[in-house]
Amino acid sequence: MTEELEASESNDKITTDPVDIDPKDIPDIDSKYRLILLAAQRAKQIQRGAIPRVDLDPRKIKPTTIALEEFEEDKVNFRFLEKEKA
């Protein structure tokens, strides 16, 4: 299981370039639990050096707060992937 975790962490790609986001392409977050999972992933990207997409200073504000603010302002582009059936 640790190999899977290490493999998934090594596949994380951090995008630091500004991205034009069409709000119509962003799916609705259907629960507070999904919001927490998505914000945690985005906070990890910010901790690793991604540029915040909101006007908050990452040296003074915690990455989780920045990530939640990005989701509140619909500045994070994401999509849900269908789980493969084996």
PDB file of N, CA and C in Angstrom:
ATOM      1  N   MET A   1       0.817  -1.190   0.000  1.00  0.00           N
ATOM      2  CA  MET A   1       0.000   0.000   0.000  1.00  0.00           C
ATOM      3  C   MET A   1       0.860   1.251   0.000  1.00  0.00           C
ATOM      4  N   THR A   2       2.006   1.208   0.657  1.00  0.00           N
ATOM      5  CA  THR A   2       2.874   2.382   0.655  1.00  0.00           C
ATOM      6  C   THR A   2       3.421   2.658  -0.727  1.00  0.00           C
ATOM      7  N   GLU A   3       3.599   1.593  -1.534  1.00  0.00           N
ATOM      8  CA  GLU A   3       4.053   1.800  -2.900  1.00  0.00           C
ATOM      9  C   GLU A   3       3.016   2.562  -3.709  1.00  0.00           C
ATOM     10  N   GLU A   4       1.728   2.232  -3.492  1.00  0.00           N
ATOM     11  CA  GLU A   4       0.664   2.948  -4.194  1.00  0.00           C
ATOM     12  C   GLU A   4       0.648   4.406  -3.782  1.00  0.00           C
ATOM     13  N   LEU A   5       0.827   4.662  -2.473  1.00  0.00           N
ATOM     14  CA  LEU A   5       0.829   6.027  -1.973  1.00  0.00           C
ATOM     15  C   LEU A   5       1.992   6.809  -2.559  1.00  0.00           C
ATOM     16  N   GLU A   6       3.173   6.193  -2.568  1.00  0.00           N
ATOM     17  CA  GLU A   6       4.336   6.863  -3.136  1.00  0.00           C
ATOM     18  C   GLU A   6       4.142   7.120  -4.626  1.00  0.00           C
ATOM     19  N   ALA A   7       3.559   6.175  -5.335  1.00  0.00           N
ATOM     20  CA  ALA A   7       3.329   6.346  -6.772  1.00  0.00           C
ATOM     21  C   ALA A   7       2.340   7.470  -7.022  1.00  0.00           C
ATOM     22  N   SER A   8       1.292   7.551  -6.206  1.00  0.00           N
ATOM     23  CA  SER A   8       0.307   8.606  -6.421  1.00  0.00           C
ATOM     24  C   SER A   8       0.886   9.970  -6.083  1.00  0.00           C
ATOM     25  N   GLU A   9       1.757  10.042  -5.069  1.00  0.00           N
ATOM     26  CA  GLU A   9       2.366  11.319  -4.725  1.00  0.00           C
ATOM     27  C   GLU A   9       3.346  11.771  -5.795  1.00  0.00           C
ATOM     28  N   SER A  10       4.053  10.834  -6.419  1.00  0.00           N
ATOM     29  CA  SER A  10       5.010  11.210  -7.450  1.00  0.00           C
ATOM     30  C   SER A  10       4.308  11.639  -8.735  1.00  0.00           C
ATOM     31  N   ASN A  11       3.040  11.241  -8.913  1.00  0.00           N
ATOM     32  CA  ASN A  11       2.303  11.614 -10.113  1.00  0.00           C
ATOM     33  C   ASN A  11       1.583  12.950  -9.969  1.00  0.00           C
ATOM     34  N   ASP A  12       1.606  13.564  -8.770  1.00  0.00           N
ATOM     35  CA  ASP A  12       0.964  14.865  -8.594  1.00  0.00           C
ATOM     36  C   ASP A  12       1.671  15.890  -9.466  1.00  0.00           C
ATOM     37  N   LYS A  13       0.900  16.579 -10.258  1.00  0.00           N
ATOM     38  CA  LYS A  13       1.473  17.615 -11.111  1.00  0.00           C
ATOM     39  C   LYS A  13       1.030  18.964 -10.581  1.00  0.00           C
ATOM     40  N   ILE A  14       1.970  19.858 -10.426  1.00  0.00           N
ATOM     41  CA  ILE A  14       1.669  21.184  -9.915  1.00  0.00           C
ATOM     42  C   ILE A  14       1.684  22.149 -11.084  1.00  0.00           C
ATOM     43  N   THR A  15       0.594  22.840 -11.269  1.00  0.00           N
ATOM     44  CA  THR A  15       0.499  23.836 -12.310  1.00  0.00           C
ATOM     45  C   THR A  15       0.643  25.203 -11.672  1.00  0.00           C
ATOM     46  N   THR A  16       1.659  25.919 -12.074  1.00  0.00           N
ATOM     47  CA  THR A  16       1.867  27.244 -11.502  1.00  0.00           C
ATOM     48  C   THR A  16       1.515  28.355 -12.486  1.00  0.00           C
ATOM     49  N   ASP A  17       1.211  27.978 -13.711  1.00  0.00           N
ATOM     50  CA  ASP A  17       0.823  28.979 -14.698  1.00  0.00           C
ATOM     51  C   ASP A  17      -0.628  29.388 -14.474  1.00  0.00           C
ATOM     52  N   PRO A  18      -0.952  30.670 -14.677  1.00  0.00           N
ATOM     53  CA  PRO A  18      -2.357  31.072 -14.564  1.00  0.00           C
ATOM     54  C   PRO A  18      -3.190  30.350 -15.613  1.00  0.00           C
ATOM     55  N   VAL A  19      -4.365  29.930 -15.215  1.00  0.00           N
ATOM     56  CA  VAL A  19      -5.241  29.173 -16.103  1.00  0.00           C
ATOM     57  C   VAL A  19      -6.559  29.920 -16.224  1.00  0.00           C
ATOM     58  N   ASP A  20      -7.006  30.116 -17.458  1.00  0.00           N
ATOM     59  CA  ASP A  20      -8.323  30.705 -17.657  1.00  0.00           C
ATOM     60  C   ASP A  20      -9.357  29.626 -17.397  1.00  0.00           C
ATOM     61  N   ILE A  21     -10.259  29.906 -16.477  1.00  0.00           N
ATOM     62  CA  ILE A  21     -11.245  28.923 -16.077  1.00  0.00           C
ATOM     63  C   ILE A  21     -12.620  29.406 -16.498  1.00  0.00           C
ATOM     64  N   ASP A  22     -13.321  28.556 -17.203  1.00  0.00           N
ATOM     65  CA  ASP A  22     -14.696  28.848 -17.550  1.00  0.00           C
ATOM     66  C   ASP A  22     -15.576  28.288 -16.438  1.00  0.00           C
ATOM     67  N   PRO A  23     -16.294  29.126 -15.699  1.00  0.00           N
ATOM     68  CA  PRO A  23     -17.096  28.639 -14.574  1.00  0.00           C
ATOM     69  C   PRO A  23     -18.106  27.566 -14.958  1.00  0.00           C
ATOM     70  N   LYS A  24     -18.516  27.515 -16.217  1.00  0.00           N
ATOM     71  CA  LYS A  24     -19.467  26.486 -16.653  1.00  0.00           C
ATOM     72  C   LYS A  24     -18.832  25.099 -16.651  1.00  0.00           C
ATOM     73  N   ASP A  25     -17.496  25.029 -16.773  1.00  0.00           N
ATOM     74  CA  ASP A  25     -16.803  23.744 -16.827  1.00  0.00           C
ATOM     75  C   ASP A  25     -16.526  23.158 -15.447  1.00  0.00           C
ATOM     76  N   ILE A  26     -16.708  23.930 -14.394  1.00  0.00           N
ATOM     77  CA  ILE A  26     -16.418  23.457 -13.048  1.00  0.00           C
ATOM     78  C   ILE A  26     -17.663  22.786 -12.476  1.00  0.00           C
ATOM     79  N   PRO A  27     -17.551  21.518 -12.080  1.00  0.00           N
ATOM     80  CA  PRO A  27     -18.729  20.846 -11.515  1.00  0.00           C
ATOM     81  C   PRO A  27     -19.065  21.386 -10.127  1.00  0.00           C
ATOM     82  N   ASP A  28     -20.307  21.198  -9.719  1.00  0.00           N
ATOM     83  CA  ASP A  28     -20.714  21.602  -8.382  1.00  0.00           C
ATOM     84  C   ASP A  28     -20.139  20.619  -7.366  1.00  0.00           C
ATOM     85  N   ILE A  29     -19.736  21.152  -6.228  1.00  0.00           N
ATOM     86  CA  ILE A  29     -19.262  20.309  -5.140  1.00  0.00           C
ATOM     87  C   ILE A  29     -20.493  19.882  -4.362  1.00  0.00           C
ATOM     88  N   ASP A  30     -20.742  18.584  -4.329  1.00  0.00           N
ATOM     89  CA  ASP A  30     -22.005  18.067  -3.814  1.00  0.00           C
ATOM     90  C   ASP A  30     -22.042  17.835  -2.303  1.00  0.00           C
ATOM     91  N   SER A  31     -20.912  17.921  -1.615  1.00  0.00           N
ATOM     92  CA  SER A  31     -20.930  17.743  -0.167  1.00  0.00           C
ATOM     93  C   SER A  31     -19.743  18.450   0.472  1.00  0.00           C
ATOM     94  N   LYS A  32     -19.867  18.702   1.756  1.00  0.00           N
ATOM     95  CA  LYS A  32     -18.783  19.370   2.468  1.00  0.00           C
ATOM     96  C   LYS A  32     -17.567  18.454   2.575  1.00  0.00           C
ATOM     97  N   TYR A  33     -17.785  17.149   2.532  1.00  0.00           N
ATOM     98  CA  TYR A  33     -16.677  16.211   2.621  1.00  0.00           C
ATOM     99  C   TYR A  33     -15.834  16.227   1.347  1.00  0.00           C
ATOM    100  N   ARG A  34     -16.519  16.329   0.212  1.00  0.00           N
ATOM    101  CA  ARG A  34     -15.774  16.436  -1.051  1.00  0.00           C
ATOM    102  C   ARG A  34     -15.000  17.753  -1.099  1.00  0.00           C
ATOM    103  N   LEU A  35     -15.587  18.821  -0.587  1.00  0.00           N
ATOM    104  CA  LEU A  35     -14.894  20.113  -0.530  1.00  0.00           C
ATOM    105  C   LEU A  35     -13.623  19.987   0.306  1.00  0.00           C
ATOM    106  N   ILE A  36     -13.704  19.302   1.428  1.00  0.00           N
ATOM    107  CA  ILE A  36     -12.534  19.134   2.289  1.00  0.00           C
ATOM    108  C   ILE A  36     -11.442  18.351   1.569  1.00  0.00           C
ATOM    109  N   LEU A  37     -11.814  17.280   0.864  1.00  0.00           N
ATOM    110  CA  LEU A  37     -10.823  16.486   0.130  1.00  0.00           C
ATOM    111  C   LEU A  37     -10.168  17.293  -0.985  1.00  0.00           C
ATOM    112  N   LEU A  38     -10.977  18.037  -1.733  1.00  0.00           N
ATOM    113  CA  LEU A  38     -10.438  18.852  -2.827  1.00  0.00           C
ATOM    114  C   LEU A  38      -9.551  19.971  -2.294  1.00  0.00           C
ATOM    115  N   ALA A  39      -9.991  20.620  -1.231  1.00  0.00           N
ATOM    116  CA  ALA A  39      -9.195  21.703  -0.649  1.00  0.00           C
ATOM    117  C   ALA A  39      -7.876  21.177  -0.092  1.00  0.00           C
ATOM    118  N   ALA A  40      -7.882  19.981   0.473  1.00  0.00           N
ATOM    119  CA  ALA A  40      -6.647  19.392   0.992  1.00  0.00           C
ATOM    120  C   ALA A  40      -5.648  19.130  -0.139  1.00  0.00           C
ATOM    121  N   GLN A  41      -6.164  18.634  -1.265  1.00  0.00           N
ATOM    122  CA  GLN A  41      -5.282  18.399  -2.412  1.00  0.00           C
ATOM    123  C   GLN A  41      -4.717  19.710  -2.937  1.00  0.00           C
ATOM    124  N   ARG A  42      -5.560  20.736  -3.021  1.00  0.00           N
ATOM    125  CA  ARG A  42      -5.094  22.032  -3.514  1.00  0.00           C
ATOM    126  C   ARG A  42      -4.113  22.662  -2.522  1.00  0.00           C
ATOM    127  N   ALA A  43      -4.359  22.513  -1.221  1.00  0.00           N
ATOM    128  CA  ALA A  43      -3.444  23.052  -0.213  1.00  0.00           C
ATOM    129  C   ALA A  43      -2.071  22.395  -0.330  1.00  0.00           C
ATOM    130  N   LYS A  44      -2.057  21.095  -0.636  1.00  0.00           N
ATOM    131  CA  LYS A  44      -0.789  20.395  -0.823  1.00  0.00           C
ATOM    132  C   LYS A  44      -0.029  20.981  -2.019  1.00  0.00           C
ATOM    133  N   GLN A  45      -0.748  21.303  -3.093  1.00  0.00           N
ATOM    134  CA  GLN A  45      -0.104  21.923  -4.255  1.00  0.00           C
ATOM    135  C   GLN A  45       0.488  23.278  -3.876  1.00  0.00           C
ATOM    136  N   ILE A  46      -0.256  24.059  -3.101  1.00  0.00           N
ATOM    137  CA  ILE A  46       0.224  25.378  -2.688  1.00  0.00           C
ATOM    138  C   ILE A  46       1.464  25.235  -1.809  1.00  0.00           C
ATOM    139  N   GLN A  47       1.462  24.253  -0.899  1.00  0.00           N
ATOM    140  CA  GLN A  47       2.619  24.019  -0.047  1.00  0.00           C
ATOM    141  C   GLN A  47       3.851  23.645  -0.862  1.00  0.00           C
ATOM    142  N   ARG A  48       3.636  22.969  -1.989  1.00  0.00           N
ATOM    143  CA  ARG A  48       4.750  22.545  -2.839  1.00  0.00           C
ATOM    144  C   ARG A  48       5.187  23.626  -3.829  1.00  0.00           C
ATOM    145  N   GLY A  49       4.552  24.807  -3.772  1.00  0.00           N
ATOM    146  CA  GLY A  49       5.039  25.908  -4.590  1.00  0.00           C
ATOM    147  C   GLY A  49       4.087  26.449  -5.638  1.00  0.00           C
ATOM    148  N   ALA A  50       2.871  25.932  -5.731  1.00  0.00           N
ATOM    149  CA  ALA A  50       1.913  26.445  -6.710  1.00  0.00           C
ATOM    150  C   ALA A  50       1.513  27.870  -6.326  1.00  0.00           C
ATOM    151  N   ILE A  51       1.294  28.685  -7.311  1.00  0.00           N
ATOM    152  CA  ILE A  51       0.908  30.072  -7.077  1.00  0.00           C
ATOM    153  C   ILE A  51      -0.580  30.139  -6.757  1.00  0.00           C
ATOM    154  N   PRO A  52      -0.938  30.780  -5.640  1.00  0.00           N
ATOM    155  CA  PRO A  52      -2.364  30.909  -5.305  1.00  0.00           C
ATOM    156  C   PRO A  52      -3.109  31.701  -6.373  1.00  0.00           C
ATOM    157  N   ARG A  53      -4.363  31.344  -6.606  1.00  0.00           N
ATOM    158  CA  ARG A  53      -5.180  32.009  -7.621  1.00  0.00           C
ATOM    159  C   ARG A  53      -6.081  33.076  -7.025  1.00  0.00           C
ATOM    160  N   VAL A  54      -5.870  33.374  -5.765  1.00  0.00           N
ATOM    161  CA  VAL A  54      -6.580  34.465  -5.094  1.00  0.00           C
ATOM    162  C   VAL A  54      -5.530  35.411  -4.529  1.00  0.00           C
ATOM    163  N   ASP A  55      -5.969  36.597  -4.189  1.00  0.00           N
ATOM    164  CA  ASP A  55      -5.043  37.629  -3.724  1.00  0.00           C
ATOM    165  C   ASP A  55      -4.827  37.506  -2.216  1.00  0.00           C
ATOM    166  N   LEU A  56      -4.137  36.451  -1.817  1.00  0.00           N
ATOM    167  CA  LEU A  56      -3.770  36.239  -0.423  1.00  0.00           C
ATOM    168  C   LEU A  56      -2.284  35.901  -0.374  1.00  0.00           C
ATOM    169  N   ASP A  57      -1.599  36.389   0.638  1.00  0.00           N
ATOM    170  CA  ASP A  57      -0.166  36.167   0.763  1.00  0.00           C
ATOM    171  C   ASP A  57       0.097  34.795   1.383  1.00  0.00           C
ATOM    172  N   PRO A  58       0.708  33.874   0.630  1.00  0.00           N
ATOM    173  CA  PRO A  58       0.944  32.528   1.162  1.00  0.00           C
ATOM    174  C   PRO A  58       1.950  32.506   2.314  1.00  0.00           C
ATOM    175  N   ARG A  59       2.691  33.590   2.511  1.00  0.00           N
ATOM    176  CA  ARG A  59       3.623  33.640   3.640  1.00  0.00           C
ATOM    177  C   ARG A  59       2.904  33.981   4.940  1.00  0.00           C
ATOM    178  N   LYS A  60       1.699  34.562   4.839  1.00  0.00           N
ATOM    179  CA  LYS A  60       0.963  34.981   6.031  1.00  0.00           C
ATOM    180  C   LYS A  60      -0.302  34.170   6.270  1.00  0.00           C
ATOM    181  N   ILE A  61      -0.867  33.592   5.216  1.00  0.00           N
ATOM    182  CA  ILE A  61      -2.126  32.855   5.300  1.00  0.00           C
ATOM    183  C   ILE A  61      -1.838  31.370   5.085  1.00  0.00           C
ATOM    184  N   LYS A  62      -2.489  30.511   5.853  1.00  0.00           N
ATOM    185  CA  LYS A  62      -2.280  29.065   5.733  1.00  0.00           C
ATOM    186  C   LYS A  62      -2.781  28.552   4.378  1.00  0.00           C
ATOM    187  N   PRO A  63      -2.090  27.546   3.827  1.00  0.00           N
ATOM    188  CA  PRO A  63      -2.494  26.993   2.519  1.00  0.00           C
ATOM    189  C   PRO A  63      -3.927  26.474   2.493  1.00  0.00           C
ATOM    190  N   THR A  64      -4.411  25.920   3.601  1.00  0.00           N
ATOM    191  CA  THR A  64      -5.787  25.425   3.611  1.00  0.00           C
ATOM    192  C   THR A  64      -6.790  26.557   3.481  1.00  0.00           C
ATOM    193  N   THR A  65      -6.504  27.690   4.098  1.00  0.00           N
ATOM    194  CA  THR A  65      -7.378  28.863   3.992  1.00  0.00           C
ATOM    195  C   THR A  65      -7.367  29.391   2.568  1.00  0.00           C
ATOM    196  N   ILE A  66      -6.199  29.418   1.961  1.00  0.00           N
ATOM    197  CA  ILE A  66      -6.086  29.879   0.573  1.00  0.00           C
ATOM    198  C   ILE A  66      -6.868  28.949  -0.349  1.00  0.00           C
ATOM    199  N   ALA A  67      -6.716  27.644  -0.150  1.00  0.00           N
ATOM    200  CA  ALA A  67      -7.422  26.667  -0.990  1.00  0.00           C
ATOM    201  C   ALA A  67      -8.928  26.814  -0.863  1.00  0.00           C
ATOM    202  N   LEU A  68      -9.435  26.961   0.349  1.00  0.00           N
ATOM    203  CA  LEU A  68     -10.876  27.131   0.541  1.00  0.00           C
ATOM    204  C   LEU A  68     -11.371  28.411  -0.116  1.00  0.00           C
ATOM    205  N   GLU A  69     -10.586  29.474  -0.047  1.00  0.00           N
ATOM    206  CA  GLU A  69     -10.964  30.734  -0.695  1.00  0.00           C
ATOM    207  C   GLU A  69     -10.998  30.565  -2.215  1.00  0.00           C
ATOM    208  N   GLU A  70     -10.052  29.806  -2.758  1.00  0.00           N
ATOM    209  CA  GLU A  70     -10.043  29.550  -4.203  1.00  0.00           C
ATOM    210  C   GLU A  70     -11.303  28.804  -4.632  1.00  0.00           C
ATOM    211  N   PHE A  71     -11.730  27.831  -3.851  1.00  0.00           N
ATOM    212  CA  PHE A  71     -12.952  27.100  -4.186  1.00  0.00           C
ATOM    213  C   PHE A  71     -14.180  27.985  -4.033  1.00  0.00           C
ATOM    214  N   GLU A  72     -14.180  28.854  -3.041  1.00  0.00           N
ATOM    215  CA  GLU A  72     -15.314  29.757  -2.844  1.00  0.00           C
ATOM    216  C   GLU A  72     -15.485  30.701  -4.023  1.00  0.00           C
ATOM    217  N   GLU A  73     -14.359  31.121  -4.608  1.00  0.00           N
ATOM    218  CA  GLU A  73     -14.396  32.048  -5.746  1.00  0.00           C
ATOM    219  C   GLU A  73     -14.378  31.322  -7.091  1.00  0.00           C
ATOM    220  N   ASP A  74     -14.530  30.007  -7.096  1.00  0.00           N
ATOM    221  CA  ASP A  74     -14.520  29.191  -8.326  1.00  0.00           C
ATOM    222  C   ASP A  74     -13.278  29.432  -9.172  1.00  0.00           C
ATOM    223  N   LYS A  75     -12.129  29.435  -8.527  1.00  0.00           N
ATOM    224  CA  LYS A  75     -10.868  29.664  -9.229  1.00  0.00           C
ATOM    225  C   LYS A  75     -10.089  28.374  -9.470  1.00  0.00           C
ATOM    226  N   VAL A  76     -10.600  27.245  -9.009  1.00  0.00           N
ATOM    227  CA  VAL A  76      -9.911  25.969  -9.176  1.00  0.00           C
ATOM    228  C   VAL A  76     -10.686  25.128 -10.167  1.00  0.00           C
ATOM    229  N   ASN A  77      -9.994  24.689 -11.196  1.00  0.00           N
ATOM    230  CA  ASN A  77     -10.613  23.862 -12.213  1.00  0.00           C
ATOM    231  C   ASN A  77     -10.353  22.400 -11.861  1.00  0.00           C
ATOM    232  N   PHE A  78     -11.404  21.610 -11.797  1.00  0.00           N
ATOM    233  CA  PHE A  78     -11.270  20.197 -11.501  1.00  0.00           C
ATOM    234  C   PHE A  78     -12.398  19.455 -12.195  1.00  0.00           C
ATOM    235  N   ARG A  79     -12.279  18.137 -12.217  1.00  0.00           N
ATOM    236  CA  ARG A  79     -13.353  17.313 -12.771  1.00  0.00           C
ATOM    237  C   ARG A  79     -13.358  15.991 -12.038  1.00  0.00           C
ATOM    238  N   PHE A  80     -14.502  15.338 -12.041  1.00  0.00           N
ATOM    239  CA  PHE A  80     -14.655  14.045 -11.406  1.00  0.00           C
ATOM    240  C   PHE A  80     -14.359  12.964 -12.428  1.00  0.00           C
ATOM    241  N   LEU A  81     -13.561  11.990 -12.043  1.00  0.00           N
ATOM    242  CA  LEU A  81     -13.244  10.876 -12.921  1.00  0.00           C
ATOM    243  C   LEU A  81     -14.119   9.694 -12.552  1.00  0.00           C
ATOM    244  N   GLU A  82     -14.568   8.979 -13.559  1.00  0.00           N
ATOM    245  CA  GLU A  82     -15.374   7.790 -13.321  1.00  0.00           C
ATOM    246  C   GLU A  82     -14.463   6.679 -12.818  1.00  0.00           C
ATOM    247  N   LYS A  83     -14.926   5.972 -11.818  1.00  0.00           N
ATOM    248  CA  LYS A  83     -14.145   4.863 -11.268  1.00  0.00           C
ATOM    249  C   LYS A  83     -14.259   3.676 -12.214  1.00  0.00           C
ATOM    250  N   GLU A  84     -13.104   3.096 -12.537  1.00  0.00           N
ATOM    251  CA  GLU A  84     -13.084   1.943 -13.441  1.00  0.00           C
ATOM    252  C   GLU A  84     -13.583   0.715 -12.706  1.00  0.00           C
ATOM    253  N   LYS A  85     -14.436  -0.053 -13.380  1.00  0.00           N
ATOM    254  CA  LYS A  85     -14.935  -1.298 -12.791  1.00  0.00           C
ATOM    255  C   LYS A  85     -14.042  -2.445 -13.242  1.00  0.00           C
ATOM    256  N   ALA A  86     -13.582  -3.217 -12.280  1.00  0.00           N
ATOM    257  CA  ALA A  86     -12.679  -4.321 -12.602  1.00  0.00           C
ATOM    258  C   ALA A  86     -13.409  -5.626 -12.731  1.00  0.00           C
TER     259      ALA A  86
END
